[in-house]
Amino acid sequence: MADDTMEKFINPYTDLDNLDFLDETKVNWDSEESKKVFWDNYSVMKAAVDKGFQKGILKEKSSTAYRMQAMGFSVEQIAQVVDMEVKDIKRLFK
């Protein structure tokens, strides 16, 4: 990596409204290093966002499963409603 290239790290407290390094219009498309840095950063952010969405979905499914259990639904019914395997629901309630 060139000395004048600043490495960018993803900080969990990053202000997601100001991600200039992911702006395609600000990339020097003539530079291979600039392209690489852009796509590396893009891939990392996309993976982090995707992981966050999956984590949020799982959290909501778990919350729904607990509420349904409190209402007296069977494990099979809960699994069908929250679209999870019965074994995963049983493991959740242990």
PDB file of N, CA and C in Angstrom:
ATOM      1  N   MET A   1       0.848  -1.174   0.000  1.00  0.00           N
ATOM      2  CA  MET A   1       0.000   0.000   0.000  1.00  0.00           C
ATOM      3  C   MET A   1       0.893   1.236   0.000  1.00  0.00           C
ATOM      4  N   ALA A   2       0.502   2.212  -0.762  1.00  0.00           N
ATOM      5  CA  ALA A   2       1.278   3.436  -0.868  1.00  0.00           C
ATOM      6  C   ALA A   2       1.272   4.178   0.464  1.00  0.00           C
ATOM      7  N   ASP A   3       2.352   4.941   0.708  1.00  0.00           N
ATOM      8  CA  ASP A   3       2.473   5.672   1.970  1.00  0.00           C
ATOM      9  C   ASP A   3       1.399   6.733   2.128  1.00  0.00           C
ATOM     10  N   ASP A   4       0.946   7.311   1.022  1.00  0.00           N
ATOM     11  CA  ASP A   4      -0.038   8.387   1.115  1.00  0.00           C
ATOM     12  C   ASP A   4      -1.477   7.884   1.206  1.00  0.00           C
ATOM     13  N   THR A   5      -1.671   6.576   1.197  1.00  0.00           N
ATOM     14  CA  THR A   5      -3.010   6.007   1.300  1.00  0.00           C
ATOM     15  C   THR A   5      -3.364   5.814   2.762  1.00  0.00           C
ATOM     16  N   MET A   6      -4.482   6.374   3.161  1.00  0.00           N
ATOM     17  CA  MET A   6      -4.917   6.228   4.549  1.00  0.00           C
ATOM     18  C   MET A   6      -5.775   4.984   4.671  1.00  0.00           C
ATOM     19  N   GLU A   7      -5.439   4.120   5.607  1.00  0.00           N
ATOM     20  CA  GLU A   7      -6.254   2.940   5.835  1.00  0.00           C
ATOM     21  C   GLU A   7      -7.524   3.344   6.555  1.00  0.00           C
ATOM     22  N   LYS A   8      -8.606   2.696   6.207  1.00  0.00           N
ATOM     23  CA  LYS A   8      -9.883   2.994   6.840  1.00  0.00           C
ATOM     24  C   LYS A   8     -10.366   1.748   7.578  1.00  0.00           C
ATOM     25  N   PHE A   9     -10.782   1.948   8.807  1.00  0.00           N
ATOM     26  CA  PHE A   9     -11.307   0.867   9.614  1.00  0.00           C
ATOM     27  C   PHE A   9     -12.757   1.162   9.948  1.00  0.00           C
ATOM     28  N   ILE A  10     -13.553   0.126  10.059  1.00  0.00           N
ATOM     29  CA  ILE A  10     -14.958   0.305  10.382  1.00  0.00           C
ATOM     30  C   ILE A  10     -15.107   0.380  11.892  1.00  0.00           C
ATOM     31  N   ASN A  11     -15.566   1.515  12.361  1.00  0.00           N
ATOM     32  CA  ASN A  11     -15.772   1.756  13.767  1.00  0.00           C
ATOM     33  C   ASN A  11     -17.248   1.475  14.075  1.00  0.00           C
ATOM     34  N   PRO A  12     -17.543   0.728  15.122  1.00  0.00           N
ATOM     35  CA  PRO A  12     -18.949   0.431  15.411  1.00  0.00           C
ATOM     36  C   PRO A  12     -19.778   1.679  15.719  1.00  0.00           C
ATOM     37  N   TYR A  13     -19.117   2.795  16.023  1.00  0.00           N
ATOM     38  CA  TYR A  13     -19.824   4.034  16.328  1.00  0.00           C
ATOM     39  C   TYR A  13     -19.804   5.002  15.138  1.00  0.00           C
ATOM     40  N   THR A  14     -19.514   4.481  13.954  1.00  0.00           N
ATOM     41  CA  THR A  14     -19.440   5.308  12.759  1.00  0.00           C
ATOM     42  C   THR A  14     -20.786   5.950  12.466  1.00  0.00           C
ATOM     43  N   ASP A  15     -20.739   7.218  12.101  1.00  0.00           N
ATOM     44  CA  ASP A  15     -21.938   7.920  11.667  1.00  0.00           C
ATOM     45  C   ASP A  15     -22.265   7.436  10.266  1.00  0.00           C
ATOM     46  N   LEU A  16     -23.303   6.621  10.126  1.00  0.00           N
ATOM     47  CA  LEU A  16     -23.609   5.999   8.850  1.00  0.00           C
ATOM     48  C   LEU A  16     -24.172   6.970   7.828  1.00  0.00           C
ATOM     49  N   ASP A  17     -24.423   8.221   8.221  1.00  0.00           N
ATOM     50  CA  ASP A  17     -24.885   9.216   7.265  1.00  0.00           C
ATOM     51  C   ASP A  17     -23.719   9.886   6.545  1.00  0.00           C
ATOM     52  N   ASN A  18     -22.501   9.660   7.003  1.00  0.00           N
ATOM     53  CA  ASN A  18     -21.343  10.338   6.430  1.00  0.00           C
ATOM     54  C   ASN A  18     -20.266   9.328   6.057  1.00  0.00           C
ATOM     55  N   LEU A  19     -20.546   8.507   5.073  1.00  0.00           N
ATOM     56  CA  LEU A  19     -19.596   7.496   4.639  1.00  0.00           C
ATOM     57  C   LEU A  19     -19.011   7.903   3.279  1.00  0.00           C
ATOM     58  N   ASP A  20     -18.252   9.006   3.281  1.00  0.00           N
ATOM     59  CA  ASP A  20     -17.685   9.527   2.035  1.00  0.00           C
ATOM     60  C   ASP A  20     -16.815   8.506   1.319  1.00  0.00           C
ATOM     61  N   PHE A  21     -16.141   7.648   2.066  1.00  0.00           N
ATOM     62  CA  PHE A  21     -15.249   6.688   1.426  1.00  0.00           C
ATOM     63  C   PHE A  21     -16.006   5.611   0.659  1.00  0.00           C
ATOM     64  N   LEU A  22     -17.333   5.579   0.787  1.00  0.00           N
ATOM     65  CA  LEU A  22     -18.144   4.637   0.013  1.00  0.00           C
ATOM     66  C   LEU A  22     -18.872   5.325  -1.143  1.00  0.00           C
ATOM     67  N   ASP A  23     -18.551   6.590  -1.380  1.00  0.00           N
ATOM     68  CA  ASP A  23     -19.196   7.360  -2.441  1.00  0.00           C
ATOM     69  C   ASP A  23     -18.480   7.103  -3.768  1.00  0.00           C
ATOM     70  N   GLU A  24     -19.168   6.440  -4.687  1.00  0.00           N
ATOM     71  CA  GLU A  24     -18.565   6.087  -5.976  1.00  0.00           C
ATOM     72  C   GLU A  24     -18.116   7.314  -6.758  1.00  0.00           C
ATOM     73  N   THR A  25     -18.769   8.443  -6.557  1.00  0.00           N
ATOM     74  CA  THR A  25     -18.406   9.644  -7.321  1.00  0.00           C
ATOM     75  C   THR A  25     -17.085  10.242  -6.857  1.00  0.00           C
ATOM     76  N   LYS A  26     -16.619   9.855  -5.674  1.00  0.00           N
ATOM     77  CA  LYS A  26     -15.368  10.399  -5.143  1.00  0.00           C
ATOM     78  C   LYS A  26     -14.196   9.445  -5.328  1.00  0.00           C
ATOM     79  N   VAL A  27     -14.401   8.379  -6.078  1.00  0.00           N
ATOM     80  CA  VAL A  27     -13.333   7.403  -6.299  1.00  0.00           C
ATOM     81  C   VAL A  27     -12.567   7.772  -7.557  1.00  0.00           C
ATOM     82  N   ASN A  28     -11.263   7.726  -7.467  1.00  0.00           N
ATOM     83  CA  ASN A  28     -10.413   7.940  -8.643  1.00  0.00           C
ATOM     84  C   ASN A  28     -10.370   6.619  -9.399  1.00  0.00           C
ATOM     85  N   TRP A  29     -11.253   6.480 -10.391  1.00  0.00           N
ATOM     86  CA  TRP A  29     -11.394   5.213 -11.095  1.00  0.00           C
ATOM     87  C   TRP A  29     -10.197   4.906 -11.993  1.00  0.00           C
ATOM     88  N   ASP A  30      -9.264   5.852 -12.141  1.00  0.00           N
ATOM     89  CA  ASP A  30      -8.053   5.595 -12.924  1.00  0.00           C
ATOM     90  C   ASP A  30      -7.011   4.860 -12.090  1.00  0.00           C
ATOM     91  N   SER A  31      -7.142   4.920 -10.784  1.00  0.00           N
ATOM     92  CA  SER A  31      -6.176   4.296  -9.886  1.00  0.00           C
ATOM     93  C   SER A  31      -6.684   2.923  -9.435  1.00  0.00           C
ATOM     94  N   GLU A  32      -5.896   1.902  -9.682  1.00  0.00           N
ATOM     95  CA  GLU A  32      -6.270   0.548  -9.253  1.00  0.00           C
ATOM     96  C   GLU A  32      -6.362   0.464  -7.730  1.00  0.00           C
ATOM     97  N   GLU A  33      -5.462   1.156  -7.040  1.00  0.00           N
ATOM     98  CA  GLU A  33      -5.473   1.128  -5.570  1.00  0.00           C
ATOM     99  C   GLU A  33      -6.752   1.779  -5.040  1.00  0.00           C
ATOM    100  N   SER A  34      -7.176   2.866  -5.669  1.00  0.00           N
ATOM    101  CA  SER A  34      -8.396   3.544  -5.252  1.00  0.00           C
ATOM    102  C   SER A  34      -9.614   2.635  -5.456  1.00  0.00           C
ATOM    103  N   LYS A  35      -9.650   1.937  -6.574  1.00  0.00           N
ATOM    104  CA  LYS A  35     -10.741   1.002  -6.832  1.00  0.00           C
ATOM    105  C   LYS A  35     -10.768  -0.101  -5.783  1.00  0.00           C
ATOM    106  N   LYS A  36      -9.572  -0.628  -5.475  1.00  0.00           N
ATOM    107  CA  LYS A  36      -9.475  -1.716  -4.502  1.00  0.00           C
ATOM    108  C   LYS A  36      -9.959  -1.260  -3.128  1.00  0.00           C
ATOM    109  N   VAL A  37      -9.519  -0.080  -2.704  1.00  0.00           N
ATOM    110  CA  VAL A  37      -9.924   0.439  -1.398  1.00  0.00           C
ATOM    111  C   VAL A  37     -11.433   0.648  -1.359  1.00  0.00           C
ATOM    112  N   PHE A  38     -11.992   1.222  -2.442  1.00  0.00           N
ATOM    113  CA  PHE A  38     -13.435   1.449  -2.483  1.00  0.00           C
ATOM    114  C   PHE A  38     -14.191   0.142  -2.352  1.00  0.00           C
ATOM    115  N   TRP A  39     -13.850  -0.857  -3.160  1.00  0.00           N
ATOM    116  CA  TRP A  39     -14.611  -2.112  -3.151  1.00  0.00           C
ATOM    117  C   TRP A  39     -14.373  -2.901  -1.871  1.00  0.00           C
ATOM    118  N   ASP A  40     -13.173  -2.803  -1.291  1.00  0.00           N
ATOM    119  CA  ASP A  40     -12.930  -3.449   0.005  1.00  0.00           C
ATOM    120  C   ASP A  40     -13.824  -2.830   1.072  1.00  0.00           C
ATOM    121  N   ASN A  41     -13.863  -1.496   1.112  1.00  0.00           N
ATOM    122  CA  ASN A  41     -14.702  -0.805   2.098  1.00  0.00           C
ATOM    123  C   ASN A  41     -16.177  -1.105   1.872  1.00  0.00           C
ATOM    124  N   TYR A  42     -16.576  -1.113   0.616  1.00  0.00           N
ATOM    125  CA  TYR A  42     -17.969  -1.402   0.283  1.00  0.00           C
ATOM    126  C   TYR A  42     -18.351  -2.808   0.755  1.00  0.00           C
ATOM    127  N   SER A  43     -17.480  -3.770   0.499  1.00  0.00           N
ATOM    128  CA  SER A  43     -17.761  -5.157   0.887  1.00  0.00           C
ATOM    129  C   SER A  43     -17.870  -5.308   2.396  1.00  0.00           C
ATOM    130  N   VAL A  44     -16.979  -4.648   3.119  1.00  0.00           N
ATOM    131  CA  VAL A  44     -17.006  -4.728   4.576  1.00  0.00           C
ATOM    132  C   VAL A  44     -18.296  -4.114   5.117  1.00  0.00           C
ATOM    133  N   MET A  45     -18.665  -2.952   4.604  1.00  0.00           N
ATOM    134  CA  MET A  45     -19.879  -2.299   5.082  1.00  0.00           C
ATOM    135  C   MET A  45     -21.126  -3.105   4.719  1.00  0.00           C
ATOM    136  N   LYS A  46     -21.171  -3.640   3.513  1.00  0.00           N
ATOM    137  CA  LYS A  46     -22.325  -4.435   3.090  1.00  0.00           C
ATOM    138  C   LYS A  46     -22.462  -5.666   3.984  1.00  0.00           C
ATOM    139  N   ALA A  47     -21.339  -6.330   4.271  1.00  0.00           N
ATOM    140  CA  ALA A  47     -21.378  -7.506   5.141  1.00  0.00           C
ATOM    141  C   ALA A  47     -21.840  -7.130   6.548  1.00  0.00           C
ATOM    142  N   ALA A  48     -21.369  -5.986   7.053  1.00  0.00           N
ATOM    143  CA  ALA A  48     -21.761  -5.554   8.395  1.00  0.00           C
ATOM    144  C   ALA A  48     -23.250  -5.229   8.448  1.00  0.00           C
ATOM    145  N   VAL A  49     -23.749  -4.556   7.429  1.00  0.00           N
ATOM    146  CA  VAL A  49     -25.177  -4.216   7.386  1.00  0.00           C
ATOM    147  C   VAL A  49     -26.018  -5.484   7.271  1.00  0.00           C
ATOM    148  N   ASP A  50     -25.603  -6.402   6.395  1.00  0.00           N
ATOM    149  CA  ASP A  50     -26.338  -7.662   6.237  1.00  0.00           C
ATOM    150  C   ASP A  50     -26.365  -8.448   7.549  1.00  0.00           C
ATOM    151  N   LYS A  51     -25.215  -8.484   8.237  1.00  0.00           N
ATOM    152  CA  LYS A  51     -25.148  -9.198   9.518  1.00  0.00           C
ATOM    153  C   LYS A  51     -26.061  -8.535  10.544  1.00  0.00           C
ATOM    154  N   GLY A  52     -26.086  -7.210  10.536  1.00  0.00           N
ATOM    155  CA  GLY A  52     -26.956  -6.482  11.461  1.00  0.00           C
ATOM    156  C   GLY A  52     -28.424  -6.767  11.210  1.00  0.00           C
ATOM    157  N   PHE A  53     -28.814  -6.802   9.929  1.00  0.00           N
ATOM    158  CA  PHE A  53     -30.196  -7.121   9.600  1.00  0.00           C
ATOM    159  C   PHE A  53     -30.548  -8.522  10.055  1.00  0.00           C
ATOM    160  N   GLN A  54     -29.668  -9.481   9.803  1.00  0.00           N
ATOM    161  CA  GLN A  54     -29.930 -10.860  10.210  1.00  0.00           C
ATOM    162  C   GLN A  54     -30.050 -10.971  11.727  1.00  0.00           C
ATOM    163  N   LYS A  55     -29.182 -10.251  12.435  1.00  0.00           N
ATOM    164  CA  LYS A  55     -29.230 -10.272  13.899  1.00  0.00           C
ATOM    165  C   LYS A  55     -30.542  -9.672  14.400  1.00  0.00           C
ATOM    166  N   GLY A  56     -30.989  -8.593  13.765  1.00  0.00           N
ATOM    167  CA  GLY A  56     -32.250  -7.963  14.138  1.00  0.00           C
ATOM    168  C   GLY A  56     -33.443  -8.863  13.868  1.00  0.00           C
ATOM    169  N   ILE A  57     -33.408  -9.555  12.744  1.00  0.00           N
ATOM    170  CA  ILE A  57     -34.493 -10.474  12.399  1.00  0.00           C
ATOM    171  C   ILE A  57     -34.560 -11.604  13.417  1.00  0.00           C
ATOM    172  N   LEU A  58     -33.413 -12.169  13.763  1.00  0.00           N
ATOM    173  CA  LEU A  58     -33.378 -13.258  14.745  1.00  0.00           C
ATOM    174  C   LEU A  58     -33.870 -12.778  16.108  1.00  0.00           C
ATOM    175  N   LYS A  59     -33.495 -11.562  16.491  1.00  0.00           N
ATOM    176  CA  LYS A  59     -33.933 -11.019  17.777  1.00  0.00           C
ATOM    177  C   LYS A  59     -35.461 -10.875  17.800  1.00  0.00           C
ATOM    178  N   GLU A  60     -36.029 -10.396  16.716  1.00  0.00           N
ATOM    179  CA  GLU A  60     -37.486 -10.229  16.652  1.00  0.00           C
ATOM    180  C   GLU A  60     -38.197 -11.584  16.650  1.00  0.00           C
ATOM    181  N   LYS A  61     -37.632 -12.563  15.933  1.00  0.00           N
ATOM    182  CA  LYS A  61     -38.227 -13.903  15.937  1.00  0.00           C
ATOM    183  C   LYS A  61     -38.210 -14.491  17.349  1.00  0.00           C
ATOM    184  N   SER A  62     -37.100 -14.303  18.050  1.00  0.00           N
ATOM    185  CA  SER A  62     -36.991 -14.819  19.418  1.00  0.00           C
ATOM    186  C   SER A  62     -37.994 -14.142  20.333  1.00  0.00           C
ATOM    187  N   SER A  63     -38.123 -12.838  20.189  1.00  0.00           N
ATOM    188  CA  SER A  63     -39.082 -12.092  21.003  1.00  0.00           C
ATOM    189  C   SER A  63     -40.506 -12.582  20.744  1.00  0.00           C
ATOM    190  N   THR A  64     -40.833 -12.788  19.489  1.00  0.00           N
ATOM    191  CA  THR A  64     -42.155 -13.293  19.130  1.00  0.00           C
ATOM    192  C   THR A  64     -42.378 -14.690  19.704  1.00  0.00           C
ATOM    193  N   ALA A  65     -41.354 -15.533  19.625  1.00  0.00           N
ATOM    194  CA  ALA A  65     -41.462 -16.896  20.152  1.00  0.00           C
ATOM    195  C   ALA A  65     -41.726 -16.885  21.654  1.00  0.00           C
ATOM    196  N   TYR A  66     -41.025 -16.013  22.396  1.00  0.00           N
ATOM    197  CA  TYR A  66     -41.246 -15.935  23.842  1.00  0.00           C
ATOM    198  C   TYR A  66     -42.657 -15.455  24.164  1.00  0.00           C
ATOM    199  N   ARG A  67     -43.156 -14.473  23.425  1.00  0.00           N
ATOM    200  CA  ARG A  67     -44.518 -13.991  23.656  1.00  0.00           C
ATOM    201  C   ARG A  67     -45.533 -15.088  23.362  1.00  0.00           C
ATOM    202  N   MET A  68     -45.296 -15.841  22.292  1.00  0.00           N
ATOM    203  CA  MET A  68     -46.219 -16.927  21.939  1.00  0.00           C
ATOM    204  C   MET A  68     -46.189 -18.028  22.991  1.00  0.00           C
ATOM    205  N   GLN A  69     -45.010 -18.328  23.529  1.00  0.00           N
ATOM    206  CA  GLN A  69     -44.904 -19.346  24.576  1.00  0.00           C
ATOM    207  C   GLN A  69     -45.700 -18.906  25.803  1.00  0.00           C
ATOM    208  N   ALA A  70     -45.594 -17.627  26.144  1.00  0.00           N
ATOM    209  CA  ALA A  70     -46.328 -17.102  27.295  1.00  0.00           C
ATOM    210  C   ALA A  70     -47.840 -17.182  27.064  1.00  0.00           C
ATOM    211  N   MET A  71     -48.266 -17.155  25.818  1.00  0.00           N
ATOM    212  CA  MET A  71     -49.695 -17.227  25.488  1.00  0.00           C
ATOM    213  C   MET A  71     -50.177 -18.668  25.379  1.00  0.00           C
ATOM    214  N   GLY A  72     -49.255 -19.635  25.519  1.00  0.00           N
ATOM    215  CA  GLY A  72     -49.645 -21.036  25.539  1.00  0.00           C
ATOM    216  C   GLY A  72     -49.596 -21.760  24.201  1.00  0.00           C
ATOM    217  N   PHE A  73     -48.968 -21.177  23.199  1.00  0.00           N
ATOM    218  CA  PHE A  73     -48.830 -21.863  21.908  1.00  0.00           C
ATOM    219  C   PHE A  73     -47.869 -23.046  22.037  1.00  0.00           C
ATOM    220  N   SER A  74     -48.076 -24.080  21.230  1.00  0.00           N
ATOM    221  CA  SER A  74     -47.158 -25.231  21.238  1.00  0.00           C
ATOM    222  C   SER A  74     -45.871 -24.859  20.500  1.00  0.00           C
ATOM    223  N   VAL A  75     -44.833 -25.637  20.758  1.00  0.00           N
ATOM    224  CA  VAL A  75     -43.545 -25.402  20.109  1.00  0.00           C
ATOM    225  C   VAL A  75     -43.682 -25.516  18.594  1.00  0.00           C
ATOM    226  N   GLU A  76     -44.477 -26.456  18.134  1.00  0.00           N
ATOM    227  CA  GLU A  76     -44.678 -26.639  16.696  1.00  0.00           C
ATOM    228  C   GLU A  76     -45.365 -25.427  16.068  1.00  0.00           C
ATOM    229  N   GLN A  77     -46.370 -24.892  16.771  1.00  0.00           N
ATOM    230  CA  GLN A  77     -47.062 -23.703  16.269  1.00  0.00           C
ATOM    231  C   GLN A  77     -46.121 -22.499  16.220  1.00  0.00           C
ATOM    232  N   ILE A  78     -45.334 -22.355  17.265  1.00  0.00           N
ATOM    233  CA  ILE A  78     -44.375 -21.244  17.325  1.00  0.00           C
ATOM    234  C   ILE A  78     -43.383 -21.354  16.177  1.00  0.00           C
ATOM    235  N   ALA A  79     -42.866 -22.558  15.963  1.00  0.00           N
ATOM    236  CA  ALA A  79     -41.891 -22.768  14.887  1.00  0.00           C
ATOM    237  C   ALA A  79     -42.487 -22.415  13.531  1.00  0.00           C
ATOM    238  N   GLN A  80     -43.732 -22.759  13.338  1.00  0.00           N
ATOM    239  CA  GLN A  80     -44.389 -22.466  12.064  1.00  0.00           C
ATOM    240  C   GLN A  80     -44.593 -20.961  11.879  1.00  0.00           C
ATOM    241  N   VAL A  81     -45.000 -20.284  12.924  1.00  0.00           N
ATOM    242  CA  VAL A  81     -45.269 -18.850  12.814  1.00  0.00           C
ATOM    243  C   VAL A  81     -43.990 -18.044  12.606  1.00  0.00           C
ATOM    244  N   VAL A  82     -42.942 -18.342  13.373  1.00  0.00           N
ATOM    245  CA  VAL A  82     -41.708 -17.547  13.270  1.00  0.00           C
ATOM    246  C   VAL A  82     -40.746 -18.092  12.216  1.00  0.00           C
ATOM    247  N   ASP A  83     -41.148 -19.157  11.523  1.00  0.00           N
ATOM    248  CA  ASP A  83     -40.350 -19.732  10.435  1.00  0.00           C
ATOM    249  C   ASP A  83     -38.962 -20.169  10.912  1.00  0.00           C
ATOM    250  N   MET A  84     -38.974 -20.977  11.974  1.00  0.00           N
ATOM    251  CA  MET A  84     -37.744 -21.563  12.508  1.00  0.00           C
ATOM    252  C   MET A  84     -37.974 -23.059  12.692  1.00  0.00           C
ATOM    253  N   GLU A  85     -36.894 -23.790  12.841  1.00  0.00           N
ATOM    254  CA  GLU A  85     -36.977 -25.223  13.094  1.00  0.00           C
ATOM    255  C   GLU A  85     -37.438 -25.468  14.533  1.00  0.00           C
ATOM    256  N   VAL A  86     -38.156 -26.566  14.749  1.00  0.00           N
ATOM    257  CA  VAL A  86     -38.638 -26.927  16.089  1.00  0.00           C
ATOM    258  C   VAL A  86     -37.460 -27.087  17.048  1.00  0.00           C
ATOM    259  N   LYS A  87     -36.381 -27.708  16.574  1.00  0.00           N
ATOM    260  CA  LYS A  87     -35.213 -27.911  17.448  1.00  0.00           C
ATOM    261  C   LYS A  87     -34.606 -26.578  17.882  1.00  0.00           C
ATOM    262  N   ASP A  88     -34.644 -25.564  17.002  1.00  0.00           N
ATOM    263  CA  ASP A  88     -34.120 -24.249  17.358  1.00  0.00           C
ATOM    264  C   ASP A  88     -35.014 -23.563  18.385  1.00  0.00           C
ATOM    265  N   ILE A  89     -36.307 -23.752  18.257  1.00  0.00           N
ATOM    266  CA  ILE A  89     -37.251 -23.171  19.232  1.00  0.00           C
ATOM    267  C   ILE A  89     -37.050 -23.825  20.594  1.00  0.00           C
ATOM    268  N   LYS A  90     -36.902 -25.163  20.608  1.00  0.00           N
ATOM    269  CA  LYS A  90     -36.670 -25.870  21.884  1.00  0.00           C
ATOM    270  C   LYS A  90     -35.374 -25.391  22.516  1.00  0.00           C
ATOM    271  N   ARG A  91     -34.342 -25.200  21.718  1.00  0.00           N
ATOM    272  CA  ARG A  91     -33.051 -24.728  22.243  1.00  0.00           C
ATOM    273  C   ARG A  91     -33.199 -23.302  22.778  1.00  0.00           C
ATOM    274  N   LEU A  92     -34.011 -22.495  22.143  1.00  0.00           N
ATOM    275  CA  LEU A  92     -34.244 -21.122  22.578  1.00  0.00           C
ATOM    276  C   LEU A  92     -34.888 -21.078  23.955  1.00  0.00           C
ATOM    277  N   PHE A  93     -35.788 -22.026  24.237  1.00  0.00           N
ATOM    278  CA  PHE A  93     -36.519 -22.031  25.492  1.00  0.00           C
ATOM    279  C   PHE A  93     -35.772 -22.717  26.636  1.00  0.00           C
ATOM    280  N   LYS A  94     -34.637 -23.301  26.366  1.00  0.00           N
ATOM    281  CA  LYS A  94     -33.869 -23.972  27.445  1.00  0.00           C
ATOM    282  C   LYS A  94     -33.130 -22.968  28.289  1.00  0.00           C
TER     283      LYS A  94
END
